[in-house]
Amino acid sequence: MQMGEWIMALNYKPLWIQLIKKDLMKVDVIRMAGLTTNVMAQMGKNKPITFKNLERICKALECTPNDVISFDDEYVEKGENND
């Protein structure tokens, strides 16, 4: 019998939309917010970033965290050996 669980997957879709609306590229955000390229690479992989970096992005783009990150509910099935 397989069971599953709901997880919340972090993503940065709202940020990519903001960049399009503001006609900006990732390198612009790196410069404006004082980020490292590693932080942007992490975001490109939907990996978590620090609140400090989130704050820097929000200040640079004059937006809120909701304009940068979102969470998707995702159902993941687990097999008997995946406990």
Protein backbone atom coordinates (compact mmCIF):
# COMPACT_ATOMS: atom_id res chain seq x y z
CA MET A 1 0.00 0.00 0.00
CA GLN A 2 1.36 3.41 -0.94
CA MET A 3 0.85 6.47 1.18
CA GLY A 4 1.69 10.06 0.53
CA GLU A 5 1.94 13.44 2.11
CA TRP A 6 1.30 17.05 1.23
CA ILE A 7 4.35 19.28 1.13
CA MET A 8 4.72 22.99 0.46
CA ALA A 9 7.18 23.62 -2.33
CA LEU A 10 8.90 27.01 -2.38
CA ASN A 11 9.18 28.84 -5.68
CA TYR A 12 10.17 32.25 -6.97
CA LYS A 13 7.61 32.59 -9.78
CA PRO A 14 6.37 35.93 -8.42
CA LEU A 15 9.91 37.34 -8.57
CA TRP A 16 10.39 36.30 -12.20
CA ILE A 17 7.06 37.99 -13.00
CA GLN A 18 8.26 41.15 -11.21
CA LEU A 19 11.43 41.17 -13.30
CA ILE A 20 9.44 40.95 -16.52
CA LYS A 21 7.05 43.72 -15.43
CA LYS A 22 9.96 45.98 -14.45
CA ASP A 23 12.03 45.05 -17.53
CA LEU A 24 14.89 43.81 -15.35
CA MET A 25 17.30 40.92 -15.62
CA LYS A 26 18.69 38.74 -12.83
CA VAL A 27 22.01 40.59 -12.97
CA ASP A 28 20.13 43.84 -12.34
CA VAL A 29 18.61 42.42 -9.16
CA ILE A 30 22.00 41.10 -8.05
CA ARG A 31 23.45 44.59 -8.42
CA MET A 32 20.47 46.50 -6.98
CA ALA A 33 20.02 44.25 -3.95
CA GLY A 34 23.70 43.53 -3.31
CA LEU A 35 23.26 39.78 -3.74
CA THR A 36 25.85 37.22 -4.67
CA THR A 37 25.52 35.15 -7.82
CA ASN A 38 25.21 32.12 -5.53
CA VAL A 39 22.02 33.52 -3.99
CA MET A 40 20.51 34.03 -7.44
CA ALA A 41 21.59 30.52 -8.45
CA GLN A 42 19.84 29.11 -5.37
CA MET A 43 16.68 30.99 -6.30
CA GLY A 44 16.92 29.63 -9.83
CA LYS A 45 16.73 26.15 -8.29
CA ASN A 46 13.84 27.11 -5.98
CA LYS A 47 16.05 26.69 -2.92
CA PRO A 48 15.49 28.77 0.24
CA ILE A 49 17.30 32.06 0.84
CA THR A 50 17.80 34.03 4.04
CA PHE A 51 15.32 36.61 5.26
CA LYS A 52 18.09 39.19 4.97
CA ASN A 53 18.39 38.50 1.23
CA LEU A 54 14.61 38.52 0.89
CA GLU A 55 14.58 41.91 2.60
CA ARG A 56 17.28 43.22 0.24
CA ILE A 57 15.30 42.10 -2.79
CA CYS A 58 12.09 43.65 -1.49
CA LYS A 59 13.78 46.97 -0.78
CA ALA A 60 15.52 47.03 -4.17
CA LEU A 61 12.33 46.23 -6.10
CA GLU A 62 10.02 48.17 -3.75
CA CYS A 63 7.80 45.14 -3.24
CA THR A 64 6.66 42.72 -0.53
CA PRO A 65 7.74 39.11 0.10
CA ASN A 66 4.55 37.96 -1.64
CA ASP A 67 5.94 39.56 -4.80
CA VAL A 68 9.07 37.42 -4.50
CA ILE A 69 8.10 33.97 -3.22
CA SER A 70 5.14 31.64 -3.20
CA PHE A 71 4.40 28.12 -2.03
CA ASP A 72 2.71 25.37 -3.99
CA ASP A 73 0.99 22.46 -2.28
CA GLU A 74 2.29 19.24 -3.76
CA TYR A 75 1.23 15.66 -3.02
CA VAL A 76 4.13 13.24 -2.90
CA GLU A 77 3.47 9.51 -2.87
CA LYS A 78 5.69 7.43 -0.65
CA GLY A 79 6.42 3.76 -1.14
CA GLU A 80 6.83 1.28 1.68
CA ASN A 81 10.63 1.77 1.64
CA ASN A 82 10.54 5.60 1.53
CA ASP A 83 9.70 6.20 5.20
